[in-house]
Amino acid sequence: MKIRPLHDRILVERLEEQEVKRGGIIIPDTAKEKPQEAKVIAVGNGKVTDEGKKIPLDVKAGDKILFGKYSGSEVKIDDKEYLILREEDVLAILE
């Protein structure tokens, strides 16, 4: 299925964190925090200003990003979990 977010929204897939052992204790999946790192799958056309001009997005498909802990809306497409968030929720692009 092809999907294109609207305006300044982006579709991302969370990147799984590697299992971390702290002091020899394995943390169970239910106690782990969700990762704040993701890969951009699709981006919208850009934000539209009050004057009607489009401002293109700084992120593009394929970028790895960091985003805020409680940002975005979780969606399930073709049995895969994604997150749709606004570009303003993106904290950084990882290079």
PDB file of N, CA and C in Angstrom:
ATOM      1  N   MET A   1       0.841  -1.167   0.000  1.00  0.00           N
ATOM      2  CA  MET A   1       0.000   0.000   0.000  1.00  0.00           C
ATOM      3  C   MET A   1       0.891   1.237   0.000  1.00  0.00           C
ATOM      4  N   LYS A   2       0.577   2.192  -0.867  1.00  0.00           N
ATOM      5  CA  LYS A   2       1.304   3.458  -0.880  1.00  0.00           C
ATOM      6  C   LYS A   2       0.567   4.430   0.019  1.00  0.00           C
ATOM      7  N   ILE A   3       1.327   5.189   0.771  1.00  0.00           N
ATOM      8  CA  ILE A   3       0.726   6.166   1.677  1.00  0.00           C
ATOM      9  C   ILE A   3       1.556   7.439   1.614  1.00  0.00           C
ATOM     10  N   ARG A   4       0.876   8.580   1.612  1.00  0.00           N
ATOM     11  CA  ARG A   4       1.544   9.875   1.621  1.00  0.00           C
ATOM     12  C   ARG A   4       0.875  10.746   2.675  1.00  0.00           C
ATOM     13  N   PRO A   5       1.614  11.116   3.705  1.00  0.00           N
ATOM     14  CA  PRO A   5       1.038  11.982   4.736  1.00  0.00           C
ATOM     15  C   PRO A   5       0.699  13.360   4.165  1.00  0.00           C
ATOM     16  N   LEU A   6      -0.229  14.039   4.799  1.00  0.00           N
ATOM     17  CA  LEU A   6      -0.645  15.355   4.341  1.00  0.00           C
ATOM     18  C   LEU A   6       0.187  16.455   4.985  1.00  0.00           C
ATOM     19  N   HIS A   7       0.366  17.535   4.251  1.00  0.00           N
ATOM     20  CA  HIS A   7       1.001  18.775   4.693  1.00  0.00           C
ATOM     21  C   HIS A   7       2.356  18.545   5.352  1.00  0.00           C
ATOM     22  N   ASP A   8       2.512  18.909   6.633  1.00  0.00           N
ATOM     23  CA  ASP A   8       3.828  18.824   7.284  1.00  0.00           C
ATOM     24  C   ASP A   8       3.962  17.579   8.154  1.00  0.00           C
ATOM     25  N   ARG A   9       3.225  16.554   7.824  1.00  0.00           N
ATOM     26  CA  ARG A   9       3.307  15.311   8.604  1.00  0.00           C
ATOM     27  C   ARG A   9       4.262  14.330   7.934  1.00  0.00           C
ATOM     28  N   ILE A  10       4.836  13.446   8.765  1.00  0.00           N
ATOM     29  CA  ILE A  10       5.729  12.416   8.254  1.00  0.00           C
ATOM     30  C   ILE A  10       5.339  11.068   8.848  1.00  0.00           C
ATOM     31  N   LEU A  11       5.560  10.010   8.081  1.00  0.00           N
ATOM     32  CA  LEU A  11       5.291   8.641   8.511  1.00  0.00           C
ATOM     33  C   LEU A  11       6.630   8.000   8.833  1.00  0.00           C
ATOM     34  N   VAL A  12       6.768   7.487  10.055  1.00  0.00           N
ATOM     35  CA  VAL A  12       8.032   6.892  10.479  1.00  0.00           C
ATOM     36  C   VAL A  12       7.806   5.497  11.051  1.00  0.00           C
ATOM     37  N   GLU A  13       8.868   4.714  11.013  1.00  0.00           N
ATOM     38  CA  GLU A  13       8.861   3.377  11.616  1.00  0.00           C
ATOM     39  C   GLU A  13       9.917   3.387  12.716  1.00  0.00           C
ATOM     40  N   ARG A  14       9.506   3.040  13.933  1.00  0.00           N
ATOM     41  CA  ARG A  14      10.440   3.030  15.063  1.00  0.00           C
ATOM     42  C   ARG A  14      11.558   2.021  14.813  1.00  0.00           C
ATOM     43  N   LEU A  15      12.772   2.398  15.205  1.00  0.00           N
ATOM     44  CA  LEU A  15      13.909   1.486  15.135  1.00  0.00           C
ATOM     45  C   LEU A  15      14.025   0.783  16.473  1.00  0.00           C
ATOM     46  N   GLU A  16      14.175  -0.512  16.445  1.00  0.00           N
ATOM     47  CA  GLU A  16      14.263  -1.294  17.684  1.00  0.00           C
ATOM     48  C   GLU A  16      15.600  -1.053  18.358  1.00  0.00           C
ATOM     49  N   GLU A  17      15.555  -0.825  19.660  1.00  0.00           N
ATOM     50  CA  GLU A  17      16.784  -0.683  20.436  1.00  0.00           C
ATOM     51  C   GLU A  17      17.364  -2.054  20.712  1.00  0.00           C
ATOM     52  N   GLN A  18      18.673  -2.084  20.805  1.00  0.00           N
ATOM     53  CA  GLN A  18      19.309  -3.351  21.147  1.00  0.00           C
ATOM     54  C   GLN A  18      19.101  -3.617  22.628  1.00  0.00           C
ATOM     55  N   GLU A  19      18.983  -4.891  22.981  1.00  0.00           N
ATOM     56  CA  GLU A  19      18.732  -5.265  24.374  1.00  0.00           C
ATOM     57  C   GLU A  19      19.905  -4.847  25.255  1.00  0.00           C
ATOM     58  N   VAL A  20      19.593  -4.125  26.295  1.00  0.00           N
ATOM     59  CA  VAL A  20      20.624  -3.619  27.196  1.00  0.00           C
ATOM     60  C   VAL A  20      20.528  -4.350  28.529  1.00  0.00           C
ATOM     61  N   LYS A  21      21.653  -4.805  29.001  1.00  0.00           N
ATOM     62  CA  LYS A  21      21.696  -5.455  30.306  1.00  0.00           C
ATOM     63  C   LYS A  21      22.299  -4.473  31.285  1.00  0.00           C
ATOM     64  N   ARG A  22      21.630  -4.273  32.399  1.00  0.00           N
ATOM     65  CA  ARG A  22      22.144  -3.367  33.415  1.00  0.00           C
ATOM     66  C   ARG A  22      22.499  -4.186  34.644  1.00  0.00           C
ATOM     67  N   GLY A  23      23.760  -4.269  34.919  1.00  0.00           N
ATOM     68  CA  GLY A  23      24.221  -5.015  36.088  1.00  0.00           C
ATOM     69  C   GLY A  23      23.894  -6.489  36.005  1.00  0.00           C
ATOM     70  N   GLY A  24      23.856  -7.042  34.789  1.00  0.00           N
ATOM     71  CA  GLY A  24      23.568  -8.454  34.620  1.00  0.00           C
ATOM     72  C   GLY A  24      22.096  -8.800  34.637  1.00  0.00           C
ATOM     73  N   ILE A  25      21.208  -7.785  34.746  1.00  0.00           N
ATOM     74  CA  ILE A  25      19.770  -8.042  34.773  1.00  0.00           C
ATOM     75  C   ILE A  25      19.193  -7.752  33.390  1.00  0.00           C
ATOM     76  N   ILE A  26      18.443  -8.694  32.878  1.00  0.00           N
ATOM     77  CA  ILE A  26      17.797  -8.497  31.584  1.00  0.00           C
ATOM     78  C   ILE A  26      16.447  -7.840  31.826  1.00  0.00           C
ATOM     79  N   ILE A  27      16.219  -6.727  31.142  1.00  0.00           N
ATOM     80  CA  ILE A  27      14.970  -5.975  31.314  1.00  0.00           C
ATOM     81  C   ILE A  27      13.902  -6.609  30.422  1.00  0.00           C
ATOM     82  N   PRO A  28      12.743  -7.001  30.967  1.00  0.00           N
ATOM     83  CA  PRO A  28      11.695  -7.612  30.143  1.00  0.00           C
ATOM     84  C   PRO A  28      11.092  -6.603  29.157  1.00  0.00           C
ATOM     85  N   ASP A  29      10.512  -7.129  28.064  1.00  0.00           N
ATOM     86  CA  ASP A  29       9.930  -6.284  27.023  1.00  0.00           C
ATOM     87  C   ASP A  29       8.869  -5.341  27.567  1.00  0.00           C
ATOM     88  N   THR A  30       8.089  -5.769  28.532  1.00  0.00           N
ATOM     89  CA  THR A  30       7.005  -4.935  29.046  1.00  0.00           C
ATOM     90  C   THR A  30       7.519  -3.741  29.837  1.00  0.00           C
ATOM     91  N   ALA A  31       8.730  -3.801  30.340  1.00  0.00           N
ATOM     92  CA  ALA A  31       9.292  -2.705  31.136  1.00  0.00           C
ATOM     93  C   ALA A  31      10.153  -1.759  30.308  1.00  0.00           C
ATOM     94  N   LYS A  32      10.437  -2.132  29.065  1.00  0.00           N
ATOM     95  CA  LYS A  32      11.281  -1.294  28.220  1.00  0.00           C
ATOM     96  C   LYS A  32      10.503  -0.089  27.723  1.00  0.00           C
ATOM     97  N   GLU A  33      11.210   1.011  27.562  1.00  0.00           N
ATOM     98  CA  GLU A  33      10.604   2.204  26.979  1.00  0.00           C
ATOM     99  C   GLU A  33      10.641   2.063  25.464  1.00  0.00           C
ATOM    100  N   LYS A  34       9.670   2.695  24.797  1.00  0.00           N
ATOM    101  CA  LYS A  34       9.653   2.659  23.343  1.00  0.00           C
ATOM    102  C   LYS A  34      10.782   3.536  22.828  1.00  0.00           C
ATOM    103  N   PRO A  35      11.439   3.111  21.747  1.00  0.00           N
ATOM    104  CA  PRO A  35      12.558   3.899  21.224  1.00  0.00           C
ATOM    105  C   PRO A  35      12.087   5.243  20.672  1.00  0.00           C
ATOM    106  N   GLN A  36      12.961   6.237  20.757  1.00  0.00           N
ATOM    107  CA  GLN A  36      12.666   7.561  20.241  1.00  0.00           C
ATOM    108  C   GLN A  36      13.434   7.814  18.951  1.00  0.00           C
ATOM    109  N   GLU A  37      13.909   6.752  18.340  1.00  0.00           N
ATOM    110  CA  GLU A  37      14.654   6.825  17.098  1.00  0.00           C
ATOM    111  C   GLU A  37      13.817   6.136  16.031  1.00  0.00           C
ATOM    112  N   ALA A  38      13.771   6.720  14.826  1.00  0.00           N
ATOM    113  CA  ALA A  38      12.932   6.141  13.780  1.00  0.00           C
ATOM    114  C   ALA A  38      13.504   6.413  12.398  1.00  0.00           C
ATOM    115  N   LYS A  39      13.012   5.640  11.441  1.00  0.00           N
ATOM    116  CA  LYS A  39      13.363   5.832  10.036  1.00  0.00           C
ATOM    117  C   LYS A  39      12.148   6.438   9.334  1.00  0.00           C
ATOM    118  N   VAL A  40      12.377   7.491   8.562  1.00  0.00           N
ATOM    119  CA  VAL A  40      11.293   8.161   7.839  1.00  0.00           C
ATOM    120  C   VAL A  40      10.911   7.311   6.631  1.00  0.00           C
ATOM    121  N   ILE A  41       9.624   6.971   6.541  1.00  0.00           N
ATOM    122  CA  ILE A  41       9.117   6.158   5.438  1.00  0.00           C
ATOM    123  C   ILE A  41       8.543   7.050   4.328  1.00  0.00           C
ATOM    124  N   ALA A  42       7.751   8.055   4.714  1.00  0.00           N
ATOM    125  CA  ALA A  42       7.126   8.954   3.737  1.00  0.00           C
ATOM    126  C   ALA A  42       6.948  10.330   4.359  1.00  0.00           C
ATOM    127  N   VAL A  43       6.950  11.364   3.508  1.00  0.00           N
ATOM    128  CA  VAL A  43       6.765  12.742   3.979  1.00  0.00           C
ATOM    129  C   VAL A  43       5.669  13.421   3.175  1.00  0.00           C
ATOM    130  N   GLY A  44       5.046  14.425   3.783  1.00  0.00           N
ATOM    131  CA  GLY A  44       4.024  15.212   3.107  1.00  0.00           C
ATOM    132  C   GLY A  44       4.657  16.242   2.184  1.00  0.00           C
ATOM    133  N   ASN A  45       3.818  17.053   1.538  1.00  0.00           N
ATOM    134  CA  ASN A  45       4.303  18.049   0.578  1.00  0.00           C
ATOM    135  C   ASN A  45       4.903  19.283   1.240  1.00  0.00           C
ATOM    136  N   GLY A  46       4.539  19.564   2.461  1.00  0.00           N
ATOM    137  CA  GLY A  46       5.069  20.732   3.149  1.00  0.00           C
ATOM    138  C   GLY A  46       3.965  21.536   3.802  1.00  0.00           C
ATOM    139  N   LYS A  47       4.378  22.440   4.668  1.00  0.00           N
ATOM    140  CA  LYS A  47       3.433  23.278   5.395  1.00  0.00           C
ATOM    141  C   LYS A  47       2.982  24.441   4.505  1.00  0.00           C
ATOM    142  N   VAL A  48       1.703  24.782   4.578  1.00  0.00           N
ATOM    143  CA  VAL A  48       1.158  25.897   3.809  1.00  0.00           C
ATOM    144  C   VAL A  48       1.000  27.089   4.752  1.00  0.00           C
ATOM    145  N   THR A  49       1.587  28.226   4.369  1.00  0.00           N
ATOM    146  CA  THR A  49       1.511  29.433   5.183  1.00  0.00           C
ATOM    147  C   THR A  49       0.156  30.111   4.983  1.00  0.00           C
ATOM    148  N   ASP A  50      -0.095  31.151   5.769  1.00  0.00           N
ATOM    149  CA  ASP A  50      -1.333  31.916   5.638  1.00  0.00           C
ATOM    150  C   ASP A  50      -1.441  32.603   4.274  1.00  0.00           C
ATOM    151  N   GLU A  51      -0.294  32.911   3.667  1.00  0.00           N
ATOM    152  CA  GLU A  51      -0.275  33.559   2.349  1.00  0.00           C
ATOM    153  C   GLU A  51      -0.447  32.550   1.211  1.00  0.00           C
ATOM    154  N   GLY A  52      -0.484  31.264   1.535  1.00  0.00           N
ATOM    155  CA  GLY A  52      -0.674  30.223   0.520  1.00  0.00           C
ATOM    156  C   GLY A  52       0.615  29.642  -0.031  1.00  0.00           C
ATOM    157  N   LYS A  53       1.767  30.035   0.501  1.00  0.00           N
ATOM    158  CA  LYS A  53       3.049  29.489   0.041  1.00  0.00           C
ATOM    159  C   LYS A  53       3.326  28.166   0.758  1.00  0.00           C
ATOM    160  N   LYS A  54       3.954  27.229   0.030  1.00  0.00           N
ATOM    161  CA  LYS A  54       4.350  25.951   0.626  1.00  0.00           C
ATOM    162  C   LYS A  54       5.785  26.030   1.108  1.00  0.00           C
ATOM    163  N   ILE A  55       5.997  25.599   2.338  1.00  0.00           N
ATOM    164  CA  ILE A  55       7.347  25.519   2.899  1.00  0.00           C
ATOM    165  C   ILE A  55       7.736  24.043   2.885  1.00  0.00           C
ATOM    166  N   PRO A  56       8.751  23.663   2.074  1.00  0.00           N
ATOM    167  CA  PRO A  56       9.131  22.244   2.007  1.00  0.00           C
ATOM    168  C   PRO A  56       9.697  21.747   3.331  1.00  0.00           C
ATOM    169  N   LEU A  57       9.598  20.449   3.553  1.00  0.00           N
ATOM    170  CA  LEU A  57      10.096  19.837   4.789  1.00  0.00           C
ATOM    171  C   LEU A  57      11.605  19.633   4.723  1.00  0.00           C
ATOM    172  N   ASP A  58      12.254  19.683   5.888  1.00  0.00           N
ATOM    173  CA  ASP A  58      13.697  19.444   5.971  1.00  0.00           C
ATOM    174  C   ASP A  58      14.022  17.960   5.966  1.00  0.00           C
ATOM    175  N   VAL A  59      13.094  17.125   6.423  1.00  0.00           N
ATOM    176  CA  VAL A  59      13.332  15.676   6.443  1.00  0.00           C
ATOM    177  C   VAL A  59      12.862  15.065   5.136  1.00  0.00           C
ATOM    178  N   LYS A  60      13.472  13.936   4.771  1.00  0.00           N
ATOM    179  CA  LYS A  60      13.065  13.225   3.559  1.00  0.00           C
ATOM    180  C   LYS A  60      13.026  11.729   3.844  1.00  0.00           C
ATOM    181  N   ALA A  61      12.381  10.987   2.988  1.00  0.00           N
ATOM    182  CA  ALA A  61      12.268   9.542   3.168  1.00  0.00           C
ATOM    183  C   ALA A  61      13.662   8.927   3.248  1.00  0.00           C
ATOM    184  N   GLY A  62      13.846   8.030   4.200  1.00  0.00           N
ATOM    185  CA  GLY A  62      15.125   7.358   4.392  1.00  0.00           C
ATOM    186  C   GLY A  62      15.960   7.947   5.518  1.00  0.00           C
ATOM    187  N   ASP A  63      15.642   9.166   5.977  1.00  0.00           N
ATOM    188  CA  ASP A  63      16.374   9.788   7.081  1.00  0.00           C
ATOM    189  C   ASP A  63      16.122   9.038   8.384  1.00  0.00           C
ATOM    190  N   LYS A  64      17.129   9.047   9.271  1.00  0.00           N
ATOM    191  CA  LYS A  64      16.951   8.541  10.638  1.00  0.00           C
ATOM    192  C   LYS A  64      16.786   9.762  11.519  1.00  0.00           C
ATOM    193  N   ILE A  65      15.769   9.738  12.380  1.00  0.00           N
ATOM    194  CA  ILE A  65      15.454  10.911  13.192  1.00  0.00           C
ATOM    195  C   ILE A  65      15.313  10.556  14.669  1.00  0.00           C
ATOM    196  N   LEU A  66      15.375  11.585  15.502  1.00  0.00           N
ATOM    197  CA  LEU A  66      15.012  11.498  16.910  1.00  0.00           C
ATOM    198  C   LEU A  66      13.756  12.333  17.080  1.00  0.00           C
ATOM    199  N   PHE A  67      12.801  11.837  17.862  1.00  0.00           N
ATOM    200  CA  PHE A  67      11.564  12.577  18.068  1.00  0.00           C
ATOM    201  C   PHE A  67      11.199  12.572  19.540  1.00  0.00           C
ATOM    202  N   GLY A  68      10.277  13.459  19.930  1.00  0.00           N
ATOM    203  CA  GLY A  68       9.851  13.583  21.314  1.00  0.00           C
ATOM    204  C   GLY A  68       9.181  12.313  21.814  1.00  0.00           C
ATOM    205  N   LYS A  69       9.288  12.070  23.099  1.00  0.00           N
ATOM    206  CA  LYS A  69       8.812  10.837  23.724  1.00  0.00           C
ATOM    207  C   LYS A  69       7.326  10.574  23.500  1.00  0.00           C
ATOM    208  N   TYR A  70       6.490  11.595  23.621  1.00  0.00           N
ATOM    209  CA  TYR A  70       5.049  11.398  23.508  1.00  0.00           C
ATOM    210  C   TYR A  70       4.493  12.017  22.230  1.00  0.00           C
ATOM    211  N   SER A  71       5.279  12.064  21.190  1.00  0.00           N
ATOM    212  CA  SER A  71       4.885  12.699  19.936  1.00  0.00           C
ATOM    213  C   SER A  71       4.139  11.734  19.026  1.00  0.00           C
ATOM    214  N   GLY A  72       3.278  12.295  18.193  1.00  0.00           N
ATOM    215  CA  GLY A  72       2.662  11.550  17.109  1.00  0.00           C
ATOM    216  C   GLY A  72       1.506  10.657  17.485  1.00  0.00           C
ATOM    217  N   SER A  73       0.970  10.020  16.456  1.00  0.00           N
ATOM    218  CA  SER A  73      -0.146   9.085  16.592  1.00  0.00           C
ATOM    219  C   SER A  73       0.270   7.748  16.011  1.00  0.00           C
ATOM    220  N   GLU A  74       0.032   6.690  16.768  1.00  0.00           N
ATOM    221  CA  GLU A  74       0.384   5.352  16.300  1.00  0.00           C
ATOM    222  C   GLU A  74      -0.692   4.844  15.354  1.00  0.00           C
ATOM    223  N   VAL A  75      -0.266   4.250  14.234  1.00  0.00           N
ATOM    224  CA  VAL A  75      -1.182   3.660  13.261  1.00  0.00           C
ATOM    225  C   VAL A  75      -0.647   2.287  12.863  1.00  0.00           C
ATOM    226  N   LYS A  76      -1.545   1.427  12.426  1.00  0.00           N
ATOM    227  CA  LYS A  76      -1.165   0.090  11.980  1.00  0.00           C
ATOM    228  C   LYS A  76      -1.578  -0.050  10.526  1.00  0.00           C
ATOM    229  N   ILE A  77      -0.606  -0.306   9.651  1.00  0.00           N
ATOM    230  CA  ILE A  77      -0.852  -0.452   8.218  1.00  0.00           C
ATOM    231  C   ILE A  77      -0.226  -1.762   7.769  1.00  0.00           C
ATOM    232  N   ASP A  78      -1.030  -2.621   7.149  1.00  0.00           N
ATOM    233  CA  ASP A  78      -0.546  -3.929   6.675  1.00  0.00           C
ATOM    234  C   ASP A  78       0.190  -4.698   7.771  1.00  0.00           C
ATOM    235  N   ASP A  79      -0.379  -4.734   8.972  1.00  0.00           N
ATOM    236  CA  ASP A  79       0.165  -5.454  10.122  1.00  0.00           C
ATOM    237  C   ASP A  79       1.524  -4.936  10.599  1.00  0.00           C
ATOM    238  N   LYS A  80       1.896  -3.710  10.217  1.00  0.00           N
ATOM    239  CA  LYS A  80       3.118  -3.084  10.721  1.00  0.00           C
ATOM    240  C   LYS A  80       2.722  -1.824  11.471  1.00  0.00           C
ATOM    241  N   GLU A  81       3.447  -1.538  12.552  1.00  0.00           N
ATOM    242  CA  GLU A  81       3.133  -0.350  13.344  1.00  0.00           C
ATOM    243  C   GLU A  81       3.999   0.820  12.907  1.00  0.00           C
ATOM    244  N   TYR A  82       3.354   1.953  12.675  1.00  0.00           N
ATOM    245  CA  TYR A  82       4.021   3.178  12.271  1.00  0.00           C
ATOM    246  C   TYR A  82       3.596   4.300  13.197  1.00  0.00           C
ATOM    247  N   LEU A  83       4.232   5.441  13.024  1.00  0.00           N
ATOM    248  CA  LEU A  83       3.918   6.632  13.793  1.00  0.00           C
ATOM    249  C   LEU A  83       3.799   7.785  12.803  1.00  0.00           C
ATOM    250  N   ILE A  84       2.725   8.562  12.910  1.00  0.00           N
ATOM    251  CA  ILE A  84       2.581   9.764  12.094  1.00  0.00           C
ATOM    252  C   ILE A  84       2.775  10.957  13.014  1.00  0.00           C
ATOM    253  N   LEU A  85       3.735  11.811  12.655  1.00  0.00           N
ATOM    254  CA  LEU A  85       3.986  12.983  13.478  1.00  0.00           C
ATOM    255  C   LEU A  85       4.263  14.194  12.605  1.00  0.00           C
ATOM    256  N   ARG A  86       4.154  15.365  13.210  1.00  0.00           N
ATOM    257  CA  ARG A  86       4.441  16.611  12.495  1.00  0.00           C
ATOM    258  C   ARG A  86       5.946  16.844  12.477  1.00  0.00           C
ATOM    259  N   GLU A  87       6.390  17.597  11.492  1.00  0.00           N
ATOM    260  CA  GLU A  87       7.823  17.874  11.396  1.00  0.00           C
ATOM    261  C   GLU A  87       8.328  18.618  12.639  1.00  0.00           C
ATOM    262  N   GLU A  88       7.494  19.414  13.242  1.00  0.00           N
ATOM    263  CA  GLU A  88       7.910  20.163  14.439  1.00  0.00           C
ATOM    264  C   GLU A  88       8.201  19.247  15.633  1.00  0.00           C
ATOM    265  N   ASP A  89       7.714  17.995  15.591  1.00  0.00           N
ATOM    266  CA  ASP A  89       7.979  17.031  16.661  1.00  0.00           C
ATOM    267  C   ASP A  89       9.348  16.364  16.508  1.00  0.00           C
ATOM    268  N   VAL A  90       9.983  16.544  15.339  1.00  0.00           N
ATOM    269  CA  VAL A  90      11.298  15.963  15.091  1.00  0.00           C
ATOM    270  C   VAL A  90      12.351  16.812  15.796  1.00  0.00           C
ATOM    271  N   LEU A  91      13.145  16.165  16.640  1.00  0.00           N
ATOM    272  CA  LEU A  91      14.169  16.875  17.395  1.00  0.00           C
ATOM    273  C   LEU A  91      15.488  16.994  16.631  1.00  0.00           C
ATOM    274  N   ALA A  92      15.832  15.942  15.861  1.00  0.00           N
ATOM    275  CA  ALA A  92      17.102  15.949  15.148  1.00  0.00           C
ATOM    276  C   ALA A  92      17.088  14.906  14.039  1.00  0.00           C
ATOM    277  N   ILE A  93      17.944  15.134  13.045  1.00  0.00           N
ATOM    278  CA  ILE A  93      18.189  14.152  11.988  1.00  0.00           C
ATOM    279  C   ILE A  93      19.542  13.525  12.290  1.00  0.00           C
ATOM    280  N   LEU A  94      19.590  12.201  12.355  1.00  0.00           N
ATOM    281  CA  LEU A  94      20.844  11.490  12.660  1.00  0.00           C
ATOM    282  C   LEU A  94      21.606  11.253  11.351  1.00  0.00           C
ATOM    283  N   GLU A  95      22.859  11.641  11.339  1.00  0.00           N
ATOM    284  CA  GLU A  95      23.676  11.463  10.119  1.00  0.00           C
ATOM    285  C   GLU A  95      24.775  10.463  10.326  1.00  0.00           C
TER     286      GLU A  95
END
